[in-house]
Amino acid sequence: YDADPHIVIDPALIKLDQAVGLANQGRLDESCQLAVQAVTSLPAEHRTRVVLTRTQDVVQAMPEGCLERPKAAELTELIATATESNR
């Protein structure tokens, strides 16, 4: 993907998959940080429903009660803002 800078969504989706894996391992702050970086590195027009759904999968992979963590709150706010912008 590095060879073609026009492909931006696929690398972001791969990072979001990695973030889900980190969340499943209990590495929640790392997971949120990676997810935020993956989404914010995308131009706004590429923050599609597919990307935002996969970002929500990161949140859903976290154990209950973890959404109050600052990094998780940042991620959920990003999802809400990006979703609102896409409407």
PDB file of N, CA and C in Angstrom:
ATOM      1  N   TYR A   1       0.808  -1.198   0.000  1.00  0.00           N
ATOM      2  CA  TYR A   1       0.000   0.000   0.000  1.00  0.00           C
ATOM      3  C   TYR A   1       0.853   1.265   0.000  1.00  0.00           C
ATOM      4  N   ASP A   2       2.062   1.166   0.524  1.00  0.00           N
ATOM      5  CA  ASP A   2       2.932   2.333   0.542  1.00  0.00           C
ATOM      6  C   ASP A   2       3.272   2.807  -0.861  1.00  0.00           C
ATOM      7  N   ALA A   3       3.268   1.912  -1.824  1.00  0.00           N
ATOM      8  CA  ALA A   3       3.623   2.265  -3.188  1.00  0.00           C
ATOM      9  C   ALA A   3       2.546   3.105  -3.870  1.00  0.00           C
ATOM     10  N   ASP A   4       1.318   3.050  -3.385  1.00  0.00           N
ATOM     11  CA  ASP A   4       0.222   3.801  -3.994  1.00  0.00           C
ATOM     12  C   ASP A   4      -0.463   4.661  -2.937  1.00  0.00           C
ATOM     13  N   PRO A   5      -0.099   5.943  -2.872  1.00  0.00           N
ATOM     14  CA  PRO A   5      -0.676   6.818  -1.837  1.00  0.00           C
ATOM     15  C   PRO A   5      -2.161   7.104  -2.031  1.00  0.00           C
ATOM     16  N   HIS A   6      -2.731   6.674  -3.153  1.00  0.00           N
ATOM     17  CA  HIS A   6      -4.156   6.885  -3.381  1.00  0.00           C
ATOM     18  C   HIS A   6      -5.018   5.866  -2.643  1.00  0.00           C
ATOM     19  N   ILE A   7      -4.403   4.783  -2.222  1.00  0.00           N
ATOM     20  CA  ILE A   7      -5.136   3.762  -1.465  1.00  0.00           C
ATOM     21  C   ILE A   7      -5.005   4.125   0.015  1.00  0.00           C
ATOM     22  N   VAL A   8      -6.082   4.616   0.588  1.00  0.00           N
ATOM     23  CA  VAL A   8      -6.009   5.054   1.983  1.00  0.00           C
ATOM     24  C   VAL A   8      -6.918   4.264   2.918  1.00  0.00           C
ATOM     25  N   ILE A   9      -8.003   3.756   2.406  1.00  0.00           N
ATOM     26  CA  ILE A   9      -8.964   3.075   3.284  1.00  0.00           C
ATOM     27  C   ILE A   9      -8.456   1.706   3.718  1.00  0.00           C
ATOM     28  N   ASP A  10      -7.888   0.933   2.814  1.00  0.00           N
ATOM     29  CA  ASP A  10      -7.430  -0.413   3.174  1.00  0.00           C
ATOM     30  C   ASP A  10      -6.403  -0.401   4.309  1.00  0.00           C
ATOM     31  N   PRO A  11      -5.378   0.446   4.263  1.00  0.00           N
ATOM     32  CA  PRO A  11      -4.439   0.475   5.398  1.00  0.00           C
ATOM     33  C   PRO A  11      -5.121   0.883   6.708  1.00  0.00           C
ATOM     34  N   ALA A  12      -6.092   1.782   6.625  1.00  0.00           N
ATOM     35  CA  ALA A  12      -6.821   2.182   7.829  1.00  0.00           C
ATOM     36  C   ALA A  12      -7.612   1.006   8.391  1.00  0.00           C
ATOM     37  N   LEU A  13      -8.246   0.245   7.519  1.00  0.00           N
ATOM     38  CA  LEU A  13      -9.015  -0.925   7.975  1.00  0.00           C
ATOM     39  C   LEU A  13      -8.100  -1.970   8.612  1.00  0.00           C
ATOM     40  N   ILE A  14      -6.909  -2.129   8.075  1.00  0.00           N
ATOM     41  CA  ILE A  14      -5.952  -3.068   8.667  1.00  0.00           C
ATOM     42  C   ILE A  14      -5.563  -2.600  10.066  1.00  0.00           C
ATOM     43  N   LYS A  15      -5.321  -1.302  10.223  1.00  0.00           N
ATOM     44  CA  LYS A  15      -4.988  -0.763  11.548  1.00  0.00           C
ATOM     45  C   LYS A  15      -6.155  -0.938  12.515  1.00  0.00           C
ATOM     46  N   LEU A  16      -7.366  -0.762  12.020  1.00  0.00           N
ATOM     47  CA  LEU A  16      -8.533  -0.951  12.888  1.00  0.00           C
ATOM     48  C   LEU A  16      -8.684  -2.410  13.291  1.00  0.00           C
ATOM     49  N   ASP A  17      -8.372  -3.329  12.402  1.00  0.00           N
ATOM     50  CA  ASP A  17      -8.365  -4.757  12.760  1.00  0.00           C
ATOM     51  C   ASP A  17      -7.323  -5.018  13.852  1.00  0.00           C
ATOM     52  N   GLN A  18      -6.167  -4.399  13.716  1.00  0.00           N
ATOM     53  CA  GLN A  18      -5.124  -4.534  14.741  1.00  0.00           C
ATOM     54  C   GLN A  18      -5.604  -3.961  16.068  1.00  0.00           C
ATOM     55  N   ALA A  19      -6.332  -2.860  16.004  1.00  0.00           N
ATOM     56  CA  ALA A  19      -6.855  -2.237  17.224  1.00  0.00           C
ATOM     57  C   ALA A  19      -7.863  -3.153  17.923  1.00  0.00           C
ATOM     58  N   VAL A  20      -8.680  -3.846  17.142  1.00  0.00           N
ATOM     59  CA  VAL A  20      -9.613  -4.818  17.729  1.00  0.00           C
ATOM     60  C   VAL A  20      -8.820  -5.916  18.441  1.00  0.00           C
ATOM     61  N   GLY A  21      -7.771  -6.386  17.803  1.00  0.00           N
ATOM     62  CA  GLY A  21      -6.928  -7.415  18.418  1.00  0.00           C
ATOM     63  C   GLY A  21      -6.306  -6.932  19.723  1.00  0.00           C
ATOM     64  N   LEU A  22      -5.828  -5.695  19.735  1.00  0.00           N
ATOM     65  CA  LEU A  22      -5.259  -5.136  20.968  1.00  0.00           C
ATOM     66  C   LEU A  22      -6.316  -5.046  22.062  1.00  0.00           C
ATOM     67  N   ALA A  23      -7.520  -4.639  21.695  1.00  0.00           N
ATOM     68  CA  ALA A  23      -8.608  -4.555  22.683  1.00  0.00           C
ATOM     69  C   ALA A  23      -8.920  -5.936  23.247  1.00  0.00           C
ATOM     70  N   ASN A  24      -8.937  -6.932  22.385  1.00  0.00           N
ATOM     71  CA  ASN A  24      -9.197  -8.307  22.838  1.00  0.00           C
ATOM     72  C   ASN A  24      -8.105  -8.818  23.769  1.00  0.00           C
ATOM     73  N   GLN A  25      -6.893  -8.292  23.631  1.00  0.00           N
ATOM     74  CA  GLN A  25      -5.778  -8.668  24.503  1.00  0.00           C
ATOM     75  C   GLN A  25      -5.749  -7.854  25.794  1.00  0.00           C
ATOM     76  N   GLY A  26      -6.680  -6.909  25.919  1.00  0.00           N
ATOM     77  CA  GLY A  26      -6.714  -6.076  27.121  1.00  0.00           C
ATOM     78  C   GLY A  26      -5.807  -4.852  27.047  1.00  0.00           C
ATOM     79  N   ARG A  27      -5.240  -4.602  25.908  1.00  0.00           N
ATOM     80  CA  ARG A  27      -4.352  -3.448  25.708  1.00  0.00           C
ATOM     81  C   ARG A  27      -5.201  -2.285  25.195  1.00  0.00           C
ATOM     82  N   LEU A  28      -6.055  -1.790  26.082  1.00  0.00           N
ATOM     83  CA  LEU A  28      -7.120  -0.877  25.690  1.00  0.00           C
ATOM     84  C   LEU A  28      -6.625   0.486  25.248  1.00  0.00           C
ATOM     85  N   ASP A  29      -5.702   1.081  25.988  1.00  0.00           N
ATOM     86  CA  ASP A  29      -5.217   2.401  25.603  1.00  0.00           C
ATOM     87  C   ASP A  29      -4.500   2.349  24.261  1.00  0.00           C
ATOM     88  N   GLU A  30      -3.689   1.317  24.051  1.00  0.00           N
ATOM     89  CA  GLU A  30      -3.004   1.147  22.767  1.00  0.00           C
ATOM     90  C   GLU A  30      -4.022   0.960  21.639  1.00  0.00           C
ATOM     91  N   SER A  31      -5.047   0.187  21.929  1.00  0.00           N
ATOM     92  CA  SER A  31      -6.087  -0.072  20.954  1.00  0.00           C
ATOM     93  C   SER A  31      -6.772   1.228  20.527  1.00  0.00           C
ATOM     94  N   CYS A  32      -7.168   2.012  21.501  1.00  0.00           N
ATOM     95  CA  CYS A  32      -7.851   3.278  21.211  1.00  0.00           C
ATOM     96  C   CYS A  32      -6.934   4.240  20.474  1.00  0.00           C
ATOM     97  N   GLN A  33      -5.702   4.296  20.904  1.00  0.00           N
ATOM     98  CA  GLN A  33      -4.741   5.197  20.271  1.00  0.00           C
ATOM     99  C   GLN A  33      -4.541   4.836  18.796  1.00  0.00           C
ATOM    100  N   LEU A  34      -4.403   3.554  18.511  1.00  0.00           N
ATOM    101  CA  LEU A  34      -4.230   3.105  17.132  1.00  0.00           C
ATOM    102  C   LEU A  34      -5.475   3.409  16.304  1.00  0.00           C
ATOM    103  N   ALA A  35      -6.644   3.176  16.872  1.00  0.00           N
ATOM    104  CA  ALA A  35      -7.896   3.436  16.154  1.00  0.00           C
ATOM    105  C   ALA A  35      -8.062   4.926  15.856  1.00  0.00           C
ATOM    106  N   VAL A  36      -7.780   5.755  16.833  1.00  0.00           N
ATOM    107  CA  VAL A  36      -7.881   7.202  16.619  1.00  0.00           C
ATOM    108  C   VAL A  36      -6.916   7.629  15.519  1.00  0.00           C
ATOM    109  N   GLN A  37      -5.700   7.120  15.568  1.00  0.00           N
ATOM    110  CA  GLN A  37      -4.699   7.475  14.559  1.00  0.00           C
ATOM    111  C   GLN A  37      -5.146   7.017  13.172  1.00  0.00           C
ATOM    112  N   ALA A  38      -5.719   5.828  13.097  1.00  0.00           N
ATOM    113  CA  ALA A  38      -6.158   5.300  11.802  1.00  0.00           C
ATOM    114  C   ALA A  38      -7.249   6.174  11.195  1.00  0.00           C
ATOM    115  N   VAL A  39      -8.189   6.601  12.017  1.00  0.00           N
ATOM    116  CA  VAL A  39      -9.306   7.403  11.501  1.00  0.00           C
ATOM    117  C   VAL A  39      -8.871   8.835  11.207  1.00  0.00           C
ATOM    118  N   THR A  40      -8.134   9.436  12.111  1.00  0.00           N
ATOM    119  CA  THR A  40      -7.761  10.835  11.908  1.00  0.00           C
ATOM    120  C   THR A  40      -6.746  11.011  10.782  1.00  0.00           C
ATOM    121  N   SER A  41      -6.047   9.954  10.419  1.00  0.00           N
ATOM    122  CA  SER A  41      -5.105  10.062   9.305  1.00  0.00           C
ATOM    123  C   SER A  41      -5.824  10.046   7.951  1.00  0.00           C
ATOM    124  N   LEU A  42      -7.087   9.654   7.959  1.00  0.00           N
ATOM    125  CA  LEU A  42      -7.864   9.630   6.723  1.00  0.00           C
ATOM    126  C   LEU A  42      -8.432  11.011   6.409  1.00  0.00           C
ATOM    127  N   PRO A  43      -8.424  11.405   5.147  1.00  0.00           N
ATOM    128  CA  PRO A  43      -9.164  12.607   4.772  1.00  0.00           C
ATOM    129  C   PRO A  43     -10.648  12.398   5.090  1.00  0.00           C
ATOM    130  N   ALA A  44     -11.340  13.465   5.418  1.00  0.00           N
ATOM    131  CA  ALA A  44     -12.742  13.370   5.844  1.00  0.00           C
ATOM    132  C   ALA A  44     -13.610  12.587   4.859  1.00  0.00           C
ATOM    133  N   GLU A  45     -13.368  12.750   3.576  1.00  0.00           N
ATOM    134  CA  GLU A  45     -14.204  12.065   2.578  1.00  0.00           C
ATOM    135  C   GLU A  45     -13.987  10.555   2.561  1.00  0.00           C
ATOM    136  N   HIS A  46     -12.940  10.085   3.216  1.00  0.00           N
ATOM    137  CA  HIS A  46     -12.676   8.638   3.282  1.00  0.00           C
ATOM    138  C   HIS A  46     -13.115   8.021   4.617  1.00  0.00           C
ATOM    139  N   ARG A  47     -13.694   8.818   5.471  1.00  0.00           N
ATOM    140  CA  ARG A  47     -14.225   8.294   6.737  1.00  0.00           C
ATOM    141  C   ARG A  47     -15.637   7.784   6.476  1.00  0.00           C
ATOM    142  N   THR A  48     -15.681   6.694   5.761  1.00  0.00           N
ATOM    143  CA  THR A  48     -16.935   6.126   5.273  1.00  0.00           C
ATOM    144  C   THR A  48     -17.630   5.303   6.356  1.00  0.00           C
ATOM    145  N   ARG A  49     -18.817   4.854   6.025  1.00  0.00           N
ATOM    146  CA  ARG A  49     -19.585   4.010   6.943  1.00  0.00           C
ATOM    147  C   ARG A  49     -18.813   2.739   7.286  1.00  0.00           C
ATOM    148  N   VAL A  50     -18.122   2.165   6.306  1.00  0.00           N
ATOM    149  CA  VAL A  50     -17.337   0.952   6.545  1.00  0.00           C
ATOM    150  C   VAL A  50     -16.239   1.229   7.576  1.00  0.00           C
ATOM    151  N   VAL A  51     -15.544   2.327   7.408  1.00  0.00           N
ATOM    152  CA  VAL A  51     -14.469   2.693   8.337  1.00  0.00           C
ATOM    153  C   VAL A  51     -15.035   2.946   9.726  1.00  0.00           C
ATOM    154  N   LEU A  52     -16.129   3.683   9.805  1.00  0.00           N
ATOM    155  CA  LEU A  52     -16.706   4.004  11.113  1.00  0.00           C
ATOM    156  C   LEU A  52     -17.309   2.772  11.791  1.00  0.00           C
ATOM    157  N   THR A  53     -17.857   1.866  11.009  1.00  0.00           N
ATOM    158  CA  THR A  53     -18.369   0.619  11.582  1.00  0.00           C
ATOM    159  C   THR A  53     -17.228  -0.200  12.175  1.00  0.00           C
ATOM    160  N   ARG A  54     -16.126  -0.268  11.467  1.00  0.00           N
ATOM    161  CA  ARG A  54     -14.967  -1.017  11.976  1.00  0.00           C
ATOM    162  C   ARG A  54     -14.371  -0.325  13.195  1.00  0.00           C
ATOM    163  N   THR A  55     -14.438   0.992  13.215  1.00  0.00           N
ATOM    164  CA  THR A  55     -13.972   1.734  14.390  1.00  0.00           C
ATOM    165  C   THR A  55     -14.863   1.420  15.591  1.00  0.00           C
ATOM    166  N   GLN A  56     -16.151   1.319  15.360  1.00  0.00           N
ATOM    167  CA  GLN A  56     -17.084   0.952  16.428  1.00  0.00           C
ATOM    168  C   GLN A  56     -16.796  -0.465  16.924  1.00  0.00           C
ATOM    169  N   ASP A  57     -16.314  -1.334  16.057  1.00  0.00           N
ATOM    170  CA  ASP A  57     -15.945  -2.691  16.466  1.00  0.00           C
ATOM    171  C   ASP A  57     -14.829  -2.674  17.521  1.00  0.00           C
ATOM    172  N   VAL A  58     -13.957  -1.678  17.433  1.00  0.00           N
ATOM    173  CA  VAL A  58     -12.894  -1.535  18.437  1.00  0.00           C
ATOM    174  C   VAL A  58     -13.524  -1.281  19.801  1.00  0.00           C
ATOM    175  N   VAL A  59     -14.479  -0.376  19.844  1.00  0.00           N
ATOM    176  CA  VAL A  59     -15.161  -0.053  21.103  1.00  0.00           C
ATOM    177  C   VAL A  59     -15.898  -1.279  21.631  1.00  0.00           C
ATOM    178  N   GLN A  60     -16.566  -1.997  20.761  1.00  0.00           N
ATOM    179  CA  GLN A  60     -17.330  -3.167  21.181  1.00  0.00           C
ATOM    180  C   GLN A  60     -16.444  -4.304  21.666  1.00  0.00           C
ATOM    181  N   ALA A  61     -15.179  -4.307  21.277  1.00  0.00           N
ATOM    182  CA  ALA A  61     -14.255  -5.352  21.727  1.00  0.00           C
ATOM    183  C   ALA A  61     -13.751  -5.104  23.148  1.00  0.00           C
ATOM    184  N   MET A  62     -14.034  -3.929  23.677  1.00  0.00           N
ATOM    185  CA  MET A  62     -13.571  -3.599  25.034  1.00  0.00           C
ATOM    186  C   MET A  62     -14.516  -4.162  26.080  1.00  0.00           C
ATOM    187  N   PRO A  63     -13.958  -4.554  27.211  1.00  0.00           N
ATOM    188  CA  PRO A  63     -14.814  -5.036  28.294  1.00  0.00           C
ATOM    189  C   PRO A  63     -15.737  -3.926  28.801  1.00  0.00           C
ATOM    190  N   GLU A  64     -16.882  -4.327  29.319  1.00  0.00           N
ATOM    191  CA  GLU A  64     -17.822  -3.363  29.882  1.00  0.00           C
ATOM    192  C   GLU A  64     -17.149  -2.537  30.964  1.00  0.00           C
ATOM    193  N   GLY A  65     -17.510  -1.288  31.042  1.00  0.00           N
ATOM    194  CA  GLY A  65     -16.978  -0.423  32.068  1.00  0.00           C
ATOM    195  C   GLY A  65     -15.681   0.280  31.702  1.00  0.00           C
ATOM    196  N   CYS A  66     -15.163   0.007  30.537  1.00  0.00           N
ATOM    197  CA  CYS A  66     -13.885   0.608  30.126  1.00  0.00           C
ATOM    198  C   CYS A  66     -14.052   1.874  29.299  1.00  0.00           C
ATOM    199  N   LEU A  67     -15.278   2.188  28.943  1.00  0.00           N
ATOM    200  CA  LEU A  67     -15.488   3.333  28.071  1.00  0.00           C
ATOM    201  C   LEU A  67     -15.268   4.670  28.765  1.00  0.00           C
ATOM    202  N   GLU A  68     -15.121   4.657  30.081  1.00  0.00           N
ATOM    203  CA  GLU A  68     -14.854   5.892  30.813  1.00  0.00           C
ATOM    204  C   GLU A  68     -13.376   6.272  30.747  1.00  0.00           C
ATOM    205  N   ARG A  69     -12.548   5.364  30.316  1.00  0.00           N
ATOM    206  CA  ARG A  69     -11.114   5.656  30.195  1.00  0.00           C
ATOM    207  C   ARG A  69     -10.938   6.811  29.213  1.00  0.00           C
ATOM    208  N   PRO A  70      -9.989   7.698  29.468  1.00  0.00           N
ATOM    209  CA  PRO A  70      -9.817   8.863  28.593  1.00  0.00           C
ATOM    210  C   PRO A  70      -9.606   8.511  27.118  1.00  0.00           C
ATOM    211  N   LYS A  71      -8.806   7.511  26.826  1.00  0.00           N
ATOM    212  CA  LYS A  71      -8.558   7.136  25.424  1.00  0.00           C
ATOM    213  C   LYS A  71      -9.821   6.572  24.776  1.00  0.00           C
ATOM    214  N   ALA A  72     -10.592   5.798  25.527  1.00  0.00           N
ATOM    215  CA  ALA A  72     -11.839   5.246  24.996  1.00  0.00           C
ATOM    216  C   ALA A  72     -12.862   6.358  24.769  1.00  0.00           C
ATOM    217  N   ALA A  73     -12.903   7.307  25.686  1.00  0.00           N
ATOM    218  CA  ALA A  73     -13.816   8.442  25.520  1.00  0.00           C
ATOM    219  C   ALA A  73     -13.447   9.257  24.284  1.00  0.00           C
ATOM    220  N   GLU A  74     -12.150   9.428  24.059  1.00  0.00           N
ATOM    221  CA  GLU A  74     -11.690  10.134  22.855  1.00  0.00           C
ATOM    222  C   GLU A  74     -12.134   9.396  21.593  1.00  0.00           C
ATOM    223  N   LEU A  75     -12.015   8.081  21.611  1.00  0.00           N
ATOM    224  CA  LEU A  75     -12.404   7.283  20.448  1.00  0.00           C
ATOM    225  C   LEU A  75     -13.908   7.364  20.207  1.00  0.00           C
ATOM    226  N   THR A  76     -14.708   7.230  21.239  1.00  0.00           N
ATOM    227  CA  THR A  76     -16.160   7.285  21.048  1.00  0.00           C
ATOM    228  C   THR A  76     -16.602   8.671  20.587  1.00  0.00           C
ATOM    229  N   GLU A  77     -15.942   9.708  21.062  1.00  0.00           N
ATOM    230  CA  GLU A  77     -16.254  11.070  20.606  1.00  0.00           C
ATOM    231  C   GLU A  77     -15.902  11.227  19.131  1.00  0.00           C
ATOM    232  N   LEU A  78     -14.768  10.679  18.724  1.00  0.00           N
ATOM    233  CA  LEU A  78     -14.369  10.729  17.320  1.00  0.00           C
ATOM    234  C   LEU A  78     -15.396  10.027  16.440  1.00  0.00           C
ATOM    235  N   ILE A  79     -15.855   8.877  16.875  1.00  0.00           N
ATOM    236  CA  ILE A  79     -16.864   8.133  16.113  1.00  0.00           C
ATOM    237  C   ILE A  79     -18.137   8.960  15.983  1.00  0.00           C
ATOM    238  N   ALA A  80     -18.576   9.542  17.090  1.00  0.00           N
ATOM    239  CA  ALA A  80     -19.806  10.338  17.071  1.00  0.00           C
ATOM    240  C   ALA A  80     -19.671  11.536  16.140  1.00  0.00           C
ATOM    241  N   THR A  81     -18.551  12.214  16.220  1.00  0.00           N
ATOM    242  CA  THR A  81     -18.322  13.394  15.380  1.00  0.00           C
ATOM    243  C   THR A  81     -18.249  13.007  13.915  1.00  0.00           C
ATOM    244  N   ALA A  82     -17.523  11.958  13.600  1.00  0.00           N
ATOM    245  CA  ALA A  82     -17.390  11.528  12.206  1.00  0.00           C
ATOM    246  C   ALA A  82     -18.712  11.027  11.656  1.00  0.00           C
ATOM    247  N   THR A  83     -19.468  10.333  12.473  1.00  0.00           N
ATOM    248  CA  THR A  83     -20.782   9.828  12.036  1.00  0.00           C
ATOM    249  C   THR A  83     -21.715  10.996  11.744  1.00  0.00           C
ATOM    250  N   GLU A  84     -21.705  11.984  12.615  1.00  0.00           N
ATOM    251  CA  GLU A  84     -22.546  13.158  12.429  1.00  0.00           C
ATOM    252  C   GLU A  84     -22.156  13.904  11.154  1.00  0.00           C
ATOM    253  N   SER A  85     -20.872  13.990  10.867  1.00  0.00           N
ATOM    254  CA  SER A  85     -20.396  14.677   9.667  1.00  0.00           C
ATOM    255  C   SER A  85     -20.810  13.968   8.390  1.00  0.00           C
ATOM    256  N   ASN A  86     -21.017  12.653   8.463  1.00  0.00           N
ATOM    257  CA  ASN A  86     -21.382  11.861   7.293  1.00  0.00           C
ATOM    258  C   ASN A  86     -22.873  11.874   6.992  1.00  0.00           C
ATOM    259  N   ARG A  87     -23.651  12.472   7.845  1.00  0.00           N
ATOM    260  CA  ARG A  87     -25.115  12.473   7.624  1.00  0.00           C
ATOM    261  C   ARG A  87     -25.530  13.541   6.662  1.00  0.00           C
TER     262      ARG A  87
END
